[in-house]
Amino acid sequence: MDKKTLKLAIILIILIALAYFYQGPFKDWKSDLGKPDNFLAKIDASQIDKIEIIKNGETAVLIKENDKWKIAGTKDFYVEENLADSLNKALGEAISADVELAGSNKDKKSEFKTDLEQGVKVRLFLNAENEIANFVIGKTGNDFSTYVSESNLDETYKIKINLSGLFSRDSWYDKTIFSSDKEKIAKIRFQYPGREFTITKTHQPEAGPPLAEKHENTETLETEKLEYEWEGISPYEFSVDENKIDEILNIMSNLIAAKIPEQTFDGTGLEKNLIIAQATGEGIDNILMVGGALQNGSTALRDYGANAEEELYYAKKGDSDNIYLITKEQRDELDKNIKDLE
């Protein structure tokens, strides 16, 4: 290769390198020039072990316990699993998300709802006491981004992730009481003051060939087959209409509380054993205790927006001290006599 050709090759290489630099690193640097830093960027989301959320003057505190978020001040209430996953994901995305300056005037915070009166204040902690972030979540932008502001600064930023929908909720309590396979329930015991009875699922054998083989002239191909039936076994044997216990099976397998009350037993009537229902079966031992009604005008609800006309009843599981509120309809479905099921 002669000198002229070598020089041309070197110039070409330099031009290619300059083009790459201009279109790549230089372009990225120019684009980032003046862009505000994400004030959450230095946080390791996996190390956050306490979150304080203040909305409308009410404070919810979540404590990480064995990779689950527990409601502080309760014995056994946790954030529902799917919601906890969304919370962890949102924190990780917020830490790595791009931000842009939306406004630098403190008086404009109310427009973005990043003021303390309208926004949701969030505090993040390490080791439960070491505060590492303190910010206010405001309204959602048209592109599902969120306006946020550090509590002690005038600036409001726009972060490209929807935090408002997650943190603006009224309750963090998991309202799930039971979550079981309805078909696996094999026995239900009902206990009330002064009386008790039990029903059980009795499996029956398949009953022979199809009816069409017995009656050649019939057009129906139904089979004489019965997998199981329900019957009463205590205090005496009695028949049970399966249609009359279907809703009971639904309640004792998959029950969601209507509300979460203040966690105190005073005034709940749960100690009177007014109704105790126990559903057992393969891997299932669900015990529900139902007490008295929540009195109208009670200020015990943690779950805001309760309908004063709605009649709710205190309930708890047999293996937990968590107190829930269920509807009158659910309570009445469990308040049965033997004749109600026949």
Protein backbone atom coordinates (compact mmCIF):
# COMPACT_ATOMS: atom_id res chain seq x y z
CA MET A 1 0.00 0.00 0.00
CA ASP A 2 1.52 3.36 -1.06
CA LYS A 3 1.65 6.38 1.24
CA LYS A 4 -1.24 8.16 -0.49
CA THR A 5 -3.54 5.22 -0.10
CA LEU A 6 -2.49 4.76 3.54
CA LYS A 7 -3.25 8.42 4.30
CA LEU A 8 -6.69 8.11 2.70
CA ALA A 9 -7.38 4.96 4.73
CA ILE A 10 -6.36 6.72 7.97
CA ILE A 11 -8.55 9.74 7.12
CA LEU A 12 -11.48 7.42 6.40
CA ILE A 13 -11.02 5.65 9.72
CA ILE A 14 -10.90 8.99 11.54
CA LEU A 15 -14.07 10.17 9.79
CA ILE A 16 -15.88 6.95 10.70
CA ALA A 17 -14.75 7.29 14.31
CA LEU A 18 -15.89 10.93 14.43
CA ALA A 19 -19.26 10.00 12.91
CA TYR A 20 -19.72 7.23 15.48
CA PHE A 21 -18.74 9.54 18.31
CA TYR A 22 -21.09 12.28 17.10
CA GLN A 23 -24.03 9.93 16.58
CA GLY A 24 -23.34 7.86 19.70
CA PRO A 25 -21.63 9.06 22.91
CA PHE A 26 -21.58 12.74 21.91
CA LYS A 27 -25.24 12.69 20.93
CA ASP A 28 -26.17 10.98 24.19
CA TRP A 29 -24.07 13.44 26.17
CA LYS A 30 -25.63 16.38 24.37
CA SER A 31 -29.11 14.94 24.97
CA ASP A 32 -28.39 14.46 28.71
CA LEU A 33 -26.87 17.92 29.04
CA GLY A 34 -29.07 19.90 31.38
CA LYS A 35 -31.33 16.95 32.23
CA PRO A 36 -32.02 16.82 36.00
CA ASP A 37 -30.74 13.92 38.02
CA ASN A 38 -33.24 11.42 39.43
CA PHE A 39 -33.11 12.10 43.18
CA LEU A 40 -33.93 8.42 43.81
CA ALA A 41 -31.14 7.10 41.61
CA LYS A 42 -28.68 6.29 44.40
CA ILE A 43 -31.16 4.11 46.30
CA ASP A 44 -30.95 0.32 46.27
CA ALA A 45 -34.60 -0.77 46.16
CA SER A 46 -33.79 -4.19 47.60
CA GLN A 47 -32.49 -2.53 50.78
CA ILE A 48 -35.66 -0.55 51.54
CA ASP A 49 -37.27 -2.13 54.60
CA LYS A 50 -39.79 0.50 55.70
CA ILE A 51 -42.22 2.72 53.78
CA GLU A 52 -44.32 5.46 55.31
CA ILE A 53 -47.26 6.68 53.22
CA ILE A 54 -49.28 9.73 54.29
CA LYS A 55 -52.54 10.56 52.51
CA ASN A 56 -55.31 12.91 53.65
CA GLY A 57 -53.72 13.09 57.08
CA GLU A 58 -53.78 9.30 57.54
CA THR A 59 -50.52 7.36 57.78
CA ALA A 60 -49.86 3.80 56.64
CA VAL A 61 -46.55 2.19 57.56
CA LEU A 62 -45.26 -0.91 55.78
CA ILE A 63 -42.45 -3.00 57.24
CA LYS A 64 -40.57 -5.61 55.21
CA GLU A 65 -40.67 -8.95 56.98
CA ASN A 66 -39.27 -12.06 55.27
CA ASP A 67 -39.65 -10.48 51.81
CA LYS A 68 -43.30 -9.58 52.54
CA TRP A 69 -44.71 -6.15 53.38
CA LYS A 70 -46.46 -6.17 56.74
CA ILE A 71 -48.83 -3.50 58.04
CA ALA A 72 -47.04 -1.95 61.01
CA GLY A 73 -48.92 -2.12 64.30
CA THR A 74 -50.83 -5.28 63.39
CA LYS A 75 -50.13 -8.83 64.43
CA ASP A 76 -50.69 -10.62 61.17
CA PHE A 77 -51.85 -8.24 58.41
CA TYR A 78 -49.80 -8.08 55.21
CA VAL A 79 -50.06 -6.34 51.88
CA GLU A 80 -51.75 -8.59 49.32
CA GLU A 81 -49.13 -10.49 47.29
CA ASN A 82 -49.93 -9.01 43.86
CA LEU A 83 -50.01 -5.50 45.29
CA ALA A 84 -46.68 -6.09 47.07
CA ASP A 85 -45.16 -7.23 43.76
CA SER A 86 -46.44 -4.07 42.08
CA LEU A 87 -44.98 -1.96 44.90
CA ASN A 88 -41.54 -3.57 44.61
CA LYS A 89 -41.58 -3.23 40.83
CA ALA A 90 -42.66 0.42 40.94
CA LEU A 91 -39.90 1.35 43.40
CA GLY A 92 -37.28 -0.30 41.18
CA GLU A 93 -38.59 1.43 38.06
CA ALA A 94 -38.81 4.81 39.80
CA ILE A 95 -35.18 4.59 40.84
CA SER A 96 -33.98 3.97 37.28
CA ALA A 97 -36.51 6.17 35.42
CA ASP A 98 -35.71 9.37 33.54
CA VAL A 99 -37.02 12.62 35.02
CA GLU A 100 -37.60 16.06 33.62
CA LEU A 101 -38.14 19.38 35.34
CA ALA A 102 -41.82 20.36 35.30
CA GLY A 103 -41.63 23.49 37.43
CA SER A 104 -39.37 25.28 39.90
CA ASN A 105 -41.86 27.58 41.60
CA LYS A 106 -43.04 26.42 45.02
CA ASP A 107 -46.38 28.16 44.51
CA LYS A 108 -46.99 26.04 41.41
CA LYS A 109 -46.84 22.77 43.35
CA SER A 110 -50.60 22.87 43.88
CA GLU A 111 -51.10 22.69 40.11
CA PHE A 112 -49.12 19.45 40.00
CA LYS A 113 -50.70 18.28 43.29
CA THR A 114 -47.22 17.82 44.74
CA ASP A 115 -48.05 19.97 47.76
CA LEU A 116 -48.64 18.30 51.11
CA GLU A 117 -52.35 19.15 51.09
CA GLN A 118 -53.15 17.29 47.84
CA GLY A 119 -50.30 14.89 47.27
CA VAL A 120 -49.29 11.59 48.83
CA LYS A 121 -46.17 11.87 50.97
CA VAL A 122 -43.79 8.90 50.82
CA ARG A 123 -40.81 8.27 53.07
CA LEU A 124 -38.36 5.43 52.40
CA PHE A 125 -36.11 3.95 55.09
CA LEU A 126 -33.16 1.64 55.55
CA ASN A 127 -32.87 -0.30 58.80
CA ALA A 128 -36.30 1.04 59.74
CA GLU A 129 -34.95 4.37 61.03
CA ASN A 130 -32.52 5.72 58.41
CA GLU A 131 -34.57 7.91 56.06
CA ILE A 132 -33.17 7.85 52.53
CA ALA A 133 -35.97 9.59 50.60
CA ASN A 134 -38.82 11.95 51.39
CA PHE A 135 -41.00 13.02 48.49
CA VAL A 136 -44.57 13.84 47.47
CA ILE A 137 -46.42 12.07 44.66
CA GLY A 138 -48.78 14.33 42.72
CA LYS A 139 -51.12 13.89 39.78
CA THR A 140 -50.70 11.62 36.76
CA GLY A 141 -49.63 13.16 33.44
CA ASN A 142 -51.33 12.55 30.10
CA ASP A 143 -48.66 9.97 29.23
CA PHE A 144 -49.19 8.11 32.55
CA SER A 145 -46.07 9.67 34.03
CA THR A 146 -46.23 11.11 37.56
CA TYR A 147 -45.38 14.50 39.01
CA VAL A 148 -43.16 14.24 42.09
CA SER A 149 -41.36 16.66 44.35
CA GLU A 150 -38.93 16.34 47.21
CA SER A 151 -40.66 17.59 50.32
CA ASN A 152 -38.05 20.24 51.17
CA LEU A 153 -37.48 21.61 47.64
CA ASP A 154 -39.42 23.93 45.36
CA GLU A 155 -38.92 21.92 42.16
CA THR A 156 -41.47 19.50 40.75
CA TYR A 157 -40.32 16.78 38.39
CA LYS A 158 -42.06 14.52 35.94
CA ILE A 159 -41.03 10.90 36.28
CA LYS A 160 -41.87 8.46 33.52
CA ILE A 161 -43.75 5.89 35.57
CA ASN A 162 -47.27 5.81 37.03
CA LEU A 163 -46.78 6.05 40.79
CA SER A 164 -49.96 7.94 41.62
CA GLY A 165 -52.32 5.05 40.90
CA LEU A 166 -50.34 2.76 43.20
CA PHE A 167 -49.70 5.04 46.17
CA SER A 168 -53.06 6.85 46.18
CA ARG A 169 -54.98 3.83 47.45
CA ASP A 170 -57.02 4.12 50.66
CA SER A 171 -56.04 0.77 52.16
CA TRP A 172 -52.99 -1.50 52.01
CA TYR A 173 -54.60 -4.36 53.92
CA ASP A 174 -54.96 -7.78 52.33
CA LYS A 175 -58.71 -8.46 52.70
CA THR A 176 -58.43 -12.14 51.78
CA ILE A 177 -59.87 -14.33 54.54
CA PHE A 178 -59.99 -17.67 52.69
CA SER A 179 -58.56 -18.70 49.32
CA SER A 180 -59.10 -22.44 48.84
CA ASP A 181 -60.34 -24.94 46.30
CA LYS A 182 -64.09 -25.19 46.82
CA GLU A 183 -64.22 -28.73 45.41
CA LYS A 184 -61.84 -30.02 48.08
CA ILE A 185 -64.16 -29.17 50.98
CA ALA A 186 -65.50 -32.48 52.34
CA LYS A 187 -67.11 -31.52 55.66
CA ILE A 188 -68.63 -28.44 57.29
CA ARG A 189 -69.36 -28.10 60.99
CA PHE A 190 -71.80 -25.42 62.18
CA GLN A 191 -71.73 -24.32 65.82
CA TYR A 192 -74.05 -21.85 67.57
CA PRO A 193 -74.87 -21.18 71.22
CA GLY A 194 -76.69 -24.29 72.42
CA ARG A 195 -76.66 -26.26 69.15
CA GLU A 196 -74.32 -27.78 66.58
CA PHE A 197 -74.57 -29.93 63.46
CA THR A 198 -72.27 -31.33 60.76
CA ILE A 199 -72.67 -32.14 57.09
CA THR A 200 -70.29 -34.18 54.96
CA LYS A 201 -69.66 -35.01 51.32
CA THR A 202 -70.24 -38.70 50.63
CA HIS A 203 -68.77 -40.08 47.42
CA GLN A 204 -71.03 -42.41 45.47
CA PRO A 205 -70.03 -45.08 42.90
CA GLU A 206 -70.82 -44.66 39.23
CA ALA A 207 -74.23 -46.20 38.59
CA GLY A 208 -74.06 -48.45 35.56
CA PRO A 209 -74.41 -47.91 31.82
CA PRO A 210 -76.11 -45.01 30.05
CA LEU A 211 -79.88 -44.88 30.12
CA ALA A 212 -79.90 -45.31 26.32
CA GLU A 213 -78.60 -48.86 26.78
CA LYS A 214 -81.45 -49.63 29.20
CA HIS A 215 -84.17 -47.95 27.18
CA GLU A 216 -83.61 -48.34 23.45
CA ASN A 217 -86.48 -46.02 22.50
CA THR A 218 -85.22 -43.03 24.52
CA GLU A 219 -83.43 -40.19 22.74
CA THR A 220 -81.68 -39.02 25.91
CA LEU A 221 -78.10 -40.16 26.44
CA GLU A 222 -77.87 -39.04 30.06
CA THR A 223 -75.97 -41.36 32.37
CA GLU A 224 -76.97 -42.51 35.80
CA LYS A 225 -73.88 -41.13 37.45
CA LEU A 226 -73.46 -39.37 40.78
CA GLU A 227 -69.97 -38.43 41.96
CA TYR A 228 -70.97 -37.36 45.47
CA GLU A 229 -73.80 -36.06 47.59
CA TRP A 230 -74.02 -34.06 50.79
CA GLU A 231 -75.68 -35.45 53.89
CA GLY A 232 -76.02 -34.59 57.56
CA ILE A 233 -74.21 -36.86 60.01
CA SER A 234 -74.59 -35.08 63.35
CA PRO A 235 -76.47 -34.84 65.69
CA TYR A 236 -78.43 -37.29 63.51
CA GLU A 237 -78.55 -38.28 59.86
CA PHE A 238 -80.49 -35.96 57.56
CA SER A 239 -80.65 -35.14 53.87
CA VAL A 240 -78.99 -32.03 52.42
CA ASP A 241 -80.02 -30.13 49.31
CA GLU A 242 -76.77 -29.30 47.53
CA ASN A 243 -78.26 -26.16 45.98
CA LYS A 244 -78.83 -24.79 49.48
CA ILE A 245 -75.19 -25.10 50.52
CA ASP A 246 -73.51 -23.85 47.35
CA GLU A 247 -73.14 -20.28 48.63
CA ILE A 248 -71.90 -21.61 51.98
CA LEU A 249 -69.17 -23.51 50.11
CA ASN A 250 -68.27 -20.32 48.23
CA ILE A 251 -67.94 -18.37 51.48
CA MET A 252 -65.90 -21.03 53.28
CA SER A 253 -63.49 -21.45 50.37
CA ASN A 254 -63.07 -17.94 48.93
CA LEU A 255 -63.99 -15.08 51.24
CA ILE A 256 -62.91 -11.45 50.91
CA ALA A 257 -63.60 -9.02 53.74
CA ALA A 258 -65.87 -6.06 53.03
CA LYS A 259 -63.82 -3.76 55.28
CA ILE A 260 -60.98 -3.85 57.80
CA PRO A 261 -61.95 -2.45 61.25
CA GLU A 262 -59.84 -1.24 64.12
CA GLN A 263 -57.99 -4.25 65.52
CA THR A 264 -59.54 -4.43 68.97
CA PHE A 265 -61.85 -7.16 70.28
CA ASP A 266 -63.87 -4.78 72.45
CA GLY A 267 -67.43 -4.60 71.21
CA THR A 268 -67.01 -7.20 68.44
CA GLY A 269 -68.99 -10.00 70.10
CA LEU A 270 -66.45 -12.53 68.80
CA GLU A 271 -65.95 -13.96 72.29
CA LYS A 272 -69.62 -15.06 72.39
CA ASN A 273 -69.18 -17.71 69.66
CA LEU A 274 -72.39 -16.61 67.97
CA ILE A 275 -71.47 -18.45 64.76
CA ILE A 276 -68.56 -20.82 64.15
CA ALA A 277 -68.25 -22.56 60.79
CA GLN A 278 -65.44 -25.00 60.05
CA ALA A 279 -64.80 -26.36 56.54
CA THR A 280 -62.32 -29.22 56.23
CA GLY A 281 -61.01 -31.37 53.42
CA GLU A 282 -57.85 -32.13 51.48
CA GLY A 283 -55.35 -29.50 52.70
CA ILE A 284 -58.19 -27.34 54.06
CA ASP A 285 -59.12 -26.40 57.62
CA ASN A 286 -60.94 -23.08 57.38
CA ILE A 287 -62.56 -21.86 60.58
CA LEU A 288 -64.64 -18.67 60.57
CA MET A 289 -65.97 -17.06 63.74
CA VAL A 290 -68.68 -14.40 63.35
CA GLY A 291 -69.55 -11.89 66.06
CA GLY A 292 -71.91 -8.96 66.35
CA ALA A 293 -72.71 -6.12 63.98
CA LEU A 294 -70.63 -3.00 63.56
CA GLN A 295 -72.64 -0.22 65.11
CA ASN A 296 -73.77 2.62 62.84
CA GLY A 297 -71.69 5.74 63.30
CA SER A 298 -68.62 3.79 64.40
CA THR A 299 -65.33 5.53 63.71
CA ALA A 300 -63.45 2.24 63.88
CA LEU A 301 -63.13 1.73 60.12
CA ARG A 302 -59.67 2.01 58.65
CA ASP A 303 -61.13 1.45 55.20
CA TYR A 304 -62.49 4.83 54.21
CA GLY A 305 -65.71 5.50 52.34
CA ALA A 306 -67.84 3.01 54.26
CA ASN A 307 -71.56 3.21 53.61
CA ALA A 308 -73.30 4.09 56.87
CA GLU A 309 -76.38 2.15 55.74
CA GLU A 310 -74.44 -1.05 55.08
CA GLU A 311 -74.77 -3.63 57.84
CA LEU A 312 -71.45 -5.32 58.53
CA TYR A 313 -70.45 -8.04 61.00
CA TYR A 314 -67.17 -8.74 62.78
CA ALA A 315 -65.40 -11.96 61.81
CA LYS A 316 -62.06 -13.69 62.32
CA LYS A 317 -60.32 -16.89 61.32
CA GLY A 318 -59.70 -19.62 63.86
CA ASP A 319 -55.92 -19.47 63.46
CA SER A 320 -55.47 -15.68 63.47
CA ASP A 321 -56.35 -12.67 65.61
CA ASN A 322 -56.95 -10.49 62.53
CA ILE A 323 -60.42 -8.93 62.66
CA TYR A 324 -62.45 -8.43 59.49
CA LEU A 325 -65.89 -7.17 58.56
CA ILE A 326 -68.18 -9.27 56.36
CA THR A 327 -71.57 -8.41 54.90
CA LYS A 328 -74.93 -9.22 56.46
CA GLU A 329 -75.67 -11.48 53.48
CA GLN A 330 -72.53 -13.54 54.14
CA ARG A 331 -73.28 -13.72 57.85
CA ASP A 332 -76.87 -14.84 57.20
CA GLU A 333 -75.72 -17.59 54.81
CA LEU A 334 -73.83 -19.14 57.75
CA ASP A 335 -76.65 -18.74 60.28
CA LYS A 336 -78.52 -21.96 59.49
CA ASN A 337 -80.71 -24.60 61.08
CA ILE A 338 -80.85 -28.19 59.85
CA LYS A 339 -84.24 -27.61 58.23
CA ASP A 340 -82.76 -24.76 56.19
CA LEU A 341 -80.48 -27.22 54.37
CA GLU A 342 -82.90 -30.08 53.76
